Every structure is written in C-alpha cells, then in structure tokens.
C-alpha atoms as a PDB file:
ATOM      1  CA  MET A   1       9.408  19.937  27.470  1.00  0.00           C
ATOM      2  CA  PHE A   2       7.636  18.615  24.537  1.00  0.00           C
ATOM      3  CA  ALA A   3       7.725  14.821  23.808  1.00  0.00           C
ATOM      4  CA  ALA A   4       9.065  13.628  20.513  1.00  0.00           C
ATOM      5  CA  ALA A   5       6.456  12.777  18.124  1.00  0.00           C
ATOM      6  CA  THR A   6       6.998   9.721  15.953  1.00  0.00           C
ATOM      7  CA  PHE A   7       5.168   8.617  12.679  1.00  0.00           C
ATOM      8  CA  VAL A   8       4.869   4.878  13.069  1.00  0.00           C
ATOM      9  CA  LEU A   9       4.502   2.645  10.098  1.00  0.00           C
ATOM     10  CA  SER A  10       1.468   0.231  10.523  1.00  0.00           C
ATOM     11  CA  ALA A  11      -0.056  -2.218   8.014  1.00  0.00           C
ATOM     12  CA  ALA A  12      -2.420   0.657   6.813  1.00  0.00           C
ATOM     13  CA  PHE A  13       0.414   2.994   6.032  1.00  0.00           C
ATOM     14  CA  LEU A  14       1.954   0.273   3.742  1.00  0.00           C
ATOM     15  CA  VAL A  15      -1.060   0.389   1.291  1.00  0.00           C
ATOM     16  CA  SER A  16       0.722   2.638  -1.171  1.00  0.00           C
ATOM     17  CA  ALA A  17       4.243   1.599  -0.381  1.00  0.00           C
ATOM     18  CA  GLY A  18       6.343   0.245  -3.187  1.00  0.00           C
ATOM     19  CA  ARG A  19       9.057  -2.349  -3.074  1.00  0.00           C
ATOM     20  CA  PRO A  20      11.807  -1.449  -0.514  1.00  0.00           C
ATOM     21  CA  LEU A  21      14.736   0.471  -1.836  1.00  0.00           C
ATOM     22  CA  SER A  22      18.112  -0.878  -1.576  1.00  0.00           C
ATOM     23  CA  LEU A  23      20.081   1.671   0.338  1.00  0.00           C
ATOM     24  CA  LYS A  24      23.624   1.225   1.642  1.00  0.00           C
ATOM     25  CA  HIS A  25      25.570   3.948   3.513  1.00  0.00           C
ATOM     26  CA  GLY A  26      27.936   5.707   1.168  1.00  0.00           C
ATOM     27  CA  THR A  27      26.029   4.838  -2.041  1.00  0.00           C
ATOM     28  CA  ARG A  28      26.486   7.514  -4.732  1.00  0.00           C
ATOM     29  CA  LEU A  29      24.416   7.910  -7.866  1.00  0.00           C
ATOM     30  CA  ASN A  30      25.806   9.050 -11.175  1.00  0.00           C
ATOM     31  CA  ASN A  31      24.873  12.734 -11.362  1.00  0.00           C
ATOM     32  CA  SER A  32      24.210  12.183 -15.212  1.00  0.00           C
ATOM     33  CA  SER A  33      20.967  10.365 -14.402  1.00  0.00           C
ATOM     34  CA  LEU A  34      19.610  13.223 -12.235  1.00  0.00           C
ATOM     35  CA  THR A  35      17.777  16.339 -13.029  1.00  0.00           C
ATOM     36  CA  ASN A  36      19.968  19.546 -12.887  1.00  0.00           C
ATOM     37  CA  ASP A  37      18.291  20.563  -9.781  1.00  0.00           C
ATOM     38  CA  LEU A  38      18.736  17.450  -7.945  1.00  0.00           C
ATOM     39  CA  ALA A  39      22.368  16.933  -9.173  1.00  0.00           C
ATOM     40  CA  ALA A  40      23.014  20.603  -7.868  1.00  0.00           C
ATOM     41  CA  GLU A  41      21.453  19.813  -4.607  1.00  0.00           C
ATOM     42  CA  VAL A  42      23.577  16.732  -4.052  1.00  0.00           C
ATOM     43  CA  GLN A  43      26.704  18.531  -5.081  1.00  0.00           C
ATOM     44  CA  MET A  44      25.973  21.344  -2.702  1.00  0.00           C
ATOM     45  CA  GLN A  45      24.995  19.218   0.325  1.00  0.00           C
ATOM     46  CA  GLU A  46      27.335  16.350   0.156  1.00  0.00           C
ATOM     47  CA  ARG A  47      29.980  18.180   1.976  1.00  0.00           C
ATOM     48  CA  PHE A  48      27.646  18.670   4.828  1.00  0.00           C
ATOM     49  CA  ALA A  49      26.023  15.269   4.985  1.00  0.00           C
ATOM     50  CA  SER A  50      28.135  13.858   7.778  1.00  0.00           C
ATOM     51  CA  SER A  51      28.975  17.058   9.595  1.00  0.00           C
ATOM     52  CA  GLN A  52      27.575  17.553  13.085  1.00  0.00           C
ATOM     53  CA  SER A  53      29.135  21.050  13.052  1.00  0.00           C
ATOM     54  CA  ALA A  54      27.138  21.795  10.016  1.00  0.00           C
ATOM     55  CA  LEU A  55      24.009  20.890  11.987  1.00  0.00           C
ATOM     56  CA  ASP A  56      25.040  22.974  14.884  1.00  0.00           C
ATOM     57  CA  HIS A  57      25.595  25.930  12.748  1.00  0.00           C
ATOM     58  CA  PHE A  58      22.435  25.680  10.541  1.00  0.00           C
ATOM     59  CA  SER A  59      19.673  24.295  12.655  1.00  0.00           C
ATOM     60  CA  ALA A  60      19.265  27.637  14.433  1.00  0.00           C
ATOM     61  CA  SER A  61      18.809  29.503  11.051  1.00  0.00           C
ATOM     62  CA  PRO A  62      15.243  28.819   9.897  1.00  0.00           C
ATOM     63  CA  LEU A  63      15.622  31.532   7.144  1.00  0.00           C
ATOM     64  CA  ARG A  64      18.328  29.785   5.258  1.00  0.00           C
ATOM     65  CA  LYS A  65      17.642  29.076   1.719  1.00  0.00           C
ATOM     66  CA  HIS A  66      18.381  25.376   1.388  1.00  0.00           C
ATOM     67  CA  ALA A  67      17.793  22.303   3.189  1.00  0.00           C
ATOM     68  CA  LEU A  68      20.625  20.593   5.237  1.00  0.00           C
ATOM     69  CA  TYR A  69      21.256  16.844   5.324  1.00  0.00           C
ATOM     70  CA  VAL A  70      23.034  15.199   8.181  1.00  0.00           C
ATOM     71  CA  HIS A  71      24.515  11.863   7.692  1.00  0.00           C
ATOM     72  CA  CYS A  72      22.405  11.289   4.491  1.00  0.00           C
ATOM     73  CA  ASP A  73      24.148   9.661   1.314  1.00  0.00           C
ATOM     74  CA  ALA A  74      23.498  11.050  -2.239  1.00  0.00           C
ATOM     75  CA  ASN A  75      20.720   8.585  -2.818  1.00  0.00           C
ATOM     76  CA  GLN A  76      18.808   9.532   0.274  1.00  0.00           C
ATOM     77  CA  ILE A  77      19.295  13.326  -0.525  1.00  0.00           C
ATOM     78  CA  ILE A  78      17.719  12.626  -3.870  1.00  0.00           C
ATOM     79  CA  GLN A  79      14.732  10.862  -2.235  1.00  0.00           C
ATOM     80  CA  ILE A  80      14.368  13.664   0.338  1.00  0.00           C
ATOM     81  CA  VAL A  81      14.394  16.543  -2.290  1.00  0.00           C
ATOM     82  CA  GLN A  82      11.837  14.665  -4.417  1.00  0.00           C
ATOM     83  CA  ALA A  83       9.699  14.286  -1.461  1.00  0.00           C
ATOM     84  CA  PHE A  84       9.735  17.809  -0.223  1.00  0.00           C
ATOM     85  CA  LYS A  85       9.240  19.343  -3.600  1.00  0.00           C
ATOM     86  CA  ILE A  86       5.966  17.219  -3.903  1.00  0.00           C
ATOM     87  CA  ALA A  87       4.974  18.220  -0.318  1.00  0.00           C
ATOM     88  CA  GLN A  88       5.300  21.759  -1.234  1.00  0.00           C
ATOM     89  CA  LYS A  89       3.207  21.311  -4.151  1.00  0.00           C
ATOM     90  CA  TYR A  90       0.491  19.774  -1.918  1.00  0.00           C
ATOM     91  CA  ALA A  91       0.879  22.695   0.500  1.00  0.00           C
ATOM     92  CA  ASP A  92       0.595  25.129  -2.450  1.00  0.00           C
ATOM     93  CA  SER A  93      -2.694  23.253  -3.661  1.00  0.00           C
ATOM     94  CA  SER A  94      -4.153  23.414  -0.113  1.00  0.00           C
ATOM     95  CA  TYR A  95      -3.316  27.119   0.313  1.00  0.00           C
ATOM     96  CA  ASN A  96      -4.885  28.020  -3.000  1.00  0.00           C
ATOM     97  CA  HIS A  97      -8.017  26.007  -2.234  1.00  0.00           C
ATOM     98  CA  LEU A  98      -8.312  27.896   1.098  1.00  0.00           C
ATOM     99  CA  LYS A  99      -7.753  31.272  -0.441  1.00  0.00           C
ATOM    100  CA  SER A 100     -10.386  30.586  -3.146  1.00  0.00           C
ATOM    101  CA  ASN A 101     -12.961  29.430  -0.476  1.00  0.00           C
ATOM    102  CA  PRO A 102     -12.583  31.946   2.314  1.00  0.00           C
ATOM    103  CA  SER A 103     -15.942  30.766   3.838  1.00  0.00           C
ATOM    104  CA  GLY A 104     -15.193  27.094   3.882  1.00  0.00           C
ATOM    105  CA  SER A 105     -15.784  24.246   1.355  1.00  0.00           C
ATOM    106  CA  ASP A 106     -16.834  20.661   1.410  1.00  0.00           C
ATOM    107  CA  LEU A 107     -13.168  19.642   1.643  1.00  0.00           C
ATOM    108  CA  TYR A 108     -12.538  22.068   4.481  1.00  0.00           C
ATOM    109  CA  THR A 109     -15.460  20.584   6.344  1.00  0.00           C
ATOM    110  CA  LYS A 110     -14.523  17.053   5.645  1.00  0.00           C
ATOM    111  CA  TRP A 111     -11.130  17.472   7.388  1.00  0.00           C
ATOM    112  CA  PHE A 112     -11.479  20.351   9.645  1.00  0.00           C
ATOM    113  CA  GLY A 113     -15.168  20.502  10.614  1.00  0.00           C
ATOM    114  CA  SER A 114     -17.706  23.306  10.708  1.00  0.00           C
ATOM    115  CA  PHE A 115     -16.216  26.545   9.396  1.00  0.00           C
ATOM    116  CA  ASP A 116     -14.736  29.011  11.918  1.00  0.00           C
ATOM    117  CA  THR A 117     -12.746  32.086  10.775  1.00  0.00           C
ATOM    118  CA  ASP A 118     -10.029  31.612  13.422  1.00  0.00           C
ATOM    119  CA  ARG A 119      -9.531  28.015  12.692  1.00  0.00           C
ATOM    120  CA  TYR A 120      -9.638  28.539   8.950  1.00  0.00           C
ATOM    121  CA  ASN A 121      -6.871  31.265   9.328  1.00  0.00           C
ATOM    122  CA  ARG A 122      -4.778  28.889  11.391  1.00  0.00           C
ATOM    123  CA  VAL A 123      -4.928  26.187   8.706  1.00  0.00           C
ATOM    124  CA  LEU A 124      -4.346  28.738   6.126  1.00  0.00           C
ATOM    125  CA  LYS A 125      -1.150  30.060   7.738  1.00  0.00           C
ATOM    126  CA  SER A 126       0.015  26.528   8.262  1.00  0.00           C
ATOM    127  CA  PHE A 127      -0.101  25.688   4.554  1.00  0.00           C
ATOM    128  CA  ASN A 128       1.283  29.089   3.629  1.00  0.00           C
ATOM    129  CA  ARG A 129       4.487  28.286   5.601  1.00  0.00           C
ATOM    130  CA  LEU A 130       4.758  24.786   4.233  1.00  0.00           C
ATOM    131  CA  ARG A 131       4.796  25.968   0.660  1.00  0.00           C
ATOM    132  CA  VAL A 132       8.352  27.180   1.609  1.00  0.00           C
ATOM    133  CA  TYR A 133       9.663  25.593   4.863  1.00  0.00           C
ATOM    134  CA  PRO A 134      10.323  22.016   3.855  1.00  0.00           C
ATOM    135  CA  SER A 135      13.094  23.101   1.586  1.00  0.00           C
ATOM    136  CA  GLN A 136      14.738  24.846   4.516  1.00  0.00           C
ATOM    137  CA  PHE A 137      14.432  21.862   7.139  1.00  0.00           C
ATOM    138  CA  THR A 138      17.304  19.895   8.428  1.00  0.00           C
ATOM    139  CA  TYR A 139      16.955  16.237   7.566  1.00  0.00           C
ATOM    140  CA  LYS A 140      18.811  13.705   9.651  1.00  0.00           C
ATOM    141  CA  CYS A 141      19.289  10.235   8.194  1.00  0.00           C
ATOM    142  CA  THR A 142      20.520   8.692  11.551  1.00  0.00           C
ATOM    143  CA  CYS A 143      17.240   7.308  13.109  1.00  0.00           C
ATOM    144  CA  THR A 144      17.435   3.545  13.424  1.00  0.00           C
ATOM    145  CA  LYS A 145      13.980   2.736  15.023  1.00  0.00           C
ATOM    146  CA  GLN A 146      12.263   0.150  13.145  1.00  0.00           C
ATOM    147  CA  LYS A 147       8.541   0.549  12.199  1.00  0.00           C
ATOM    148  CA  VAL A 148       9.094   4.327  12.473  1.00  0.00           C
ATOM    149  CA  ILE A 149       8.779   6.683   9.531  1.00  0.00           C
ATOM    150  CA  SER A 150       9.876   9.991  11.027  1.00  0.00           C
ATOM    151  CA  LYS A 151      10.346  11.899  14.184  1.00  0.00           C
ATOM    152  CA  VAL A 152      10.114  15.653  15.222  1.00  0.00           C
ATOM    153  CA  LYS A 153      10.086  17.640  18.299  1.00  0.00           C
ATOM    154  CA  GLN A 154       7.720  20.711  18.429  1.00  0.00           C
ATOM    155  CA  HIS A 155      10.361  22.755  20.081  1.00  0.00           C
ATOM    156  CA  GLU A 156      13.236  21.873  17.678  1.00  0.00           C
ATOM    157  CA  TYR A 157      11.970  23.681  14.672  1.00  0.00           C
ATOM    158  CA  GLY A 158      13.001  22.323  11.209  1.00  0.00           C
ATOM    159  CA  ILE A 159      14.738  19.135  12.443  1.00  0.00           C
ATOM    160  CA  VAL A 160      13.192  16.098  10.774  1.00  0.00           C
ATOM    161  CA  ASN A 161      14.592  12.600  11.769  1.00  0.00           C
ATOM    162  CA  LEU A 162      14.019  10.145   9.013  1.00  0.00           C
ATOM    163  CA  CYS A 163      13.691   6.630  10.113  1.00  0.00           C
ATOM    164  CA  PRO A 164      14.089   3.238   8.252  1.00  0.00           C
ATOM    165  CA  ASN A 165      10.592   2.997   7.139  1.00  0.00           C
ATOM    166  CA  PHE A 166      10.626   6.339   5.456  1.00  0.00           C
ATOM    167  CA  TRP A 167      12.631   4.857   2.736  1.00  0.00           C
ATOM    168  CA  ILE A 168      10.285   2.227   1.814  1.00  0.00           C
ATOM    169  CA  LEU A 169       7.281   4.590   1.040  1.00  0.00           C
ATOM    170  CA  ASN A 170       6.439   5.899  -2.377  1.00  0.00           C
ATOM    171  CA  VAL A 171       7.444   9.478  -2.982  1.00  0.00           C
ATOM    172  CA  ASP A 172       3.711  10.761  -3.417  1.00  0.00           C
ATOM    173  CA  GLY A 173       0.284   9.746  -2.563  1.00  0.00           C
ATOM    174  CA  ILE A 174      -1.443   8.647   0.810  1.00  0.00           C
ATOM    175  CA  TYR A 175       1.151   7.644   3.425  1.00  0.00           C
ATOM    176  CA  SER A 176       4.055   8.548   1.237  1.00  0.00           C
ATOM    177  CA  ARG A 177       7.335  10.394   1.836  1.00  0.00           C
ATOM    178  CA  ALA A 178       5.645  13.722   0.775  1.00  0.00           C
ATOM    179  CA  PHE A 179       2.661  12.948   3.112  1.00  0.00           C
ATOM    180  CA  SER A 180       5.091  12.303   5.979  1.00  0.00           C
ATOM    181  CA  ILE A 181       6.847  15.751   5.290  1.00  0.00           C
ATOM    182  CA  ILE A 182       3.497  17.532   5.434  1.00  0.00           C
ATOM    183  CA  ARG A 183       2.331  16.048   8.642  1.00  0.00           C
ATOM    184  CA  GLU A 184       5.608  16.353  10.469  1.00  0.00           C
ATOM    185  CA  GLY A 185       5.953  19.928   9.154  1.00  0.00           C
ATOM    186  CA  THR A 186       2.660  20.888  10.835  1.00  0.00           C
ATOM    187  CA  ARG A 187       4.065  19.564  14.196  1.00  0.00           C
ATOM    188  CA  PHE A 188       6.590  22.231  14.570  1.00  0.00           C
ATOM    189  CA  SER A 189       5.260  25.052  16.838  1.00  0.00           C
ATOM    190  CA  LYS A 190       6.428  27.601  14.397  1.00  0.00           C
ATOM    191  CA  VAL A 191       4.171  26.168  11.723  1.00  0.00           C
ATOM    192  CA  LEU A 192       1.137  25.231  13.801  1.00  0.00           C
ATOM    193  CA  GLY A 193       2.060  22.758  16.614  1.00  0.00           C
ATOM    194  CA  THR A 194      -0.146  19.816  15.828  1.00  0.00           C
ATOM    195  CA  HIS A 195      -0.377  16.514  17.647  1.00  0.00           C
ATOM    196  CA  ASN A 196      -1.204  12.942  16.894  1.00  0.00           C
ATOM    197  CA  HIS A 197      -4.965  12.811  18.053  1.00  0.00           C
ATOM    198  CA  ASN A 198      -5.692  10.266  15.321  1.00  0.00           C
ATOM    199  CA  LEU A 199      -3.661   8.660  12.421  1.00  0.00           C
ATOM    200  CA  THR A 200      -6.322   6.894  10.479  1.00  0.00           C
ATOM    201  CA  TYR A 201      -8.350   8.287   7.630  1.00  0.00           C
ATOM    202  CA  ALA A 202     -11.793   7.403   8.888  1.00  0.00           C
ATOM    203  CA  GLY A 203     -10.825   8.415  12.485  1.00  0.00           C
ATOM    204  CA  SER A 204      -9.600  11.869  11.198  1.00  0.00           C
ATOM    205  CA  MET A 205     -12.682  12.492   9.420  1.00  0.00           C
ATOM    206  CA  THR A 206     -14.683  11.580  12.581  1.00  0.00           C
ATOM    207  CA  LEU A 207     -12.504  13.903  14.654  1.00  0.00           C
ATOM    208  CA  ALA A 208     -13.392  16.688  12.176  1.00  0.00           C
ATOM    209  CA  VAL A 209     -17.134  16.225  13.015  1.00  0.00           C
ATOM    210  CA  LYS A 210     -16.818  15.621  16.705  1.00  0.00           C
ATOM    211  CA  SER A 211     -14.090  18.271  17.515  1.00  0.00           C
ATOM    212  CA  PRO A 212     -13.127  20.632  14.705  1.00  0.00           C
ATOM    213  CA  THR A 213     -10.540  22.366  17.124  1.00  0.00           C
ATOM    214  CA  LYS A 214      -8.777  18.936  17.750  1.00  0.00           C
ATOM    215  CA  ALA A 215      -9.106  18.306  13.908  1.00  0.00           C
ATOM    216  CA  ILE A 216      -7.032  21.527  12.979  1.00  0.00           C
ATOM    217  CA  TYR A 217      -4.406  20.392  15.659  1.00  0.00           C
ATOM    218  CA  ASN A 218      -4.173  16.777  14.272  1.00  0.00           C
ATOM    219  CA  ALA A 219      -1.324  16.336  11.948  1.00  0.00           C
ATOM    220  CA  ASN A 220      -2.907  13.720   9.717  1.00  0.00           C
ATOM    221  CA  ASN A 221      -5.892  15.828   8.942  1.00  0.00           C
ATOM    222  CA  HIS A 222      -3.668  18.501   7.280  1.00  0.00           C
ATOM    223  CA  ALA A 223      -1.897  15.707   5.394  1.00  0.00           C
ATOM    224  CA  TYR A 224      -5.232  14.056   4.089  1.00  0.00           C
ATOM    225  CA  PHE A 225      -6.517  17.574   3.321  1.00  0.00           C
ATOM    226  CA  SER A 226      -3.581  18.450   1.213  1.00  0.00           C
ATOM    227  CA  LEU A 227      -3.900  15.220  -0.864  1.00  0.00           C
ATOM    228  CA  ASP A 228      -7.609  15.848  -1.414  1.00  0.00           C
ATOM    229  CA  THR A 229      -6.909  19.437  -2.537  1.00  0.00           C
ATOM    230  CA  HIS A 230      -3.945  18.242  -4.918  1.00  0.00           C
ATOM    231  CA  THR A 231      -6.019  15.546  -6.753  1.00  0.00           C
END
C-alpha cells in the first residue's frame, strides 16, 4: 500500500503567499461578481459539494468532463477552479516547450538532468496528461491538518485533499495553489507516480545533477519546471 503524500507548508513556501483568506463554511459569493465560467461551475457543483455519495459515484470515473468538489463551499470552489485552470496553463507551456525541444534544453537539464530519451518521454507524457486531468479531479475540502497544503495517495487517482494552508497561498507563482496542483497531479500513478525526494528549489536542482532519474520522479522538479516554462 502506498503511503499518503502531504505537501507541508514551511517558511519557504510562504514567500509568495498573500494575506490569509477569510473563509467560513457555507459562505456564498454573489454570482454576478464571477466570470461566466466560474459561475456555471459553482452552480453545477454546489449540489455535489457536500455529497459523499457523489464522491463514491464519480471518483472511479477518471474520464468525466468536470471536476467534483466534496464539502467545498462556493468560495472554495472558485479558488480551486482558478488554480487548476492556471495549473493546466503551466502544463500546456511545459508540454509545448518539451515538444519544441525533443533533444533537450537548458531548462530541461536544469530540472531533469542530462538528456535521456526515456526520461524525456516520461516527463512529456506527464505534462500532456496534466493539460487536462486537473479539471477532472475530485477536490475534497475536509482536511484539517495544520501546516499542510494538500494530500494525495498515488493509488487513489484524482482525489486531492486540500488542507487549511492551501487557502492562504496565492493562486499562481512559486509555492502557489496552481503550483500545488501540478506537484500533486504528478504524484498519481496514472500520471507519473512521483515522490517527495526533495522539496526545496536548490535541492531539486542538485537532484537533477546528481540523479536525473530521481529528479523526474520528484514532484517539485515538475512544478518548478512548469513555472520556468510559463514565464
């Protein structure tokens, strides 16, 4: 059995975080203040937000067209949608960069080490999947573990547990909500099956030099790479 992976918030991860958001269970935002896409998403999902039967029904369906939100209020759903849309843009930029550089690049070497066709293809496939999959995940807003951003289990595809510190992060940028979705997405075995070999920026770069194989299976290397290709 695979152990649950947690993304823990440390001082370093708070560098880009904004002021904490005030969220109360049951908070609802006026849909007139939302974009049409977000308003539609909230309206469609609110009836599922507190339904365990919905989770049981949909979690086994990785090909569904929309994300599922369990015990998430409207404000949280908005923040999740904003984050996974940006995460998918990161993944799209990464995929396009890799396709444009089939023999490697400076950015590839920076985060994944010396070029190897097999390793390159694994990274390429991972980002290709993350261009779509985050909009189909099940997001659970029930985690209460302090100092934890998010949790996933490799063998429970698509179920992302969002913890208290997820909500205090910026939506984009380093150590953001979008960053978290990229790194957690790679952890699923159906995407790639990464681990937490190293979480820090410098440590992840060192990992690429010393062990390219570990680098491609380190969740944060993918998240850092995705940010670099998007900027």
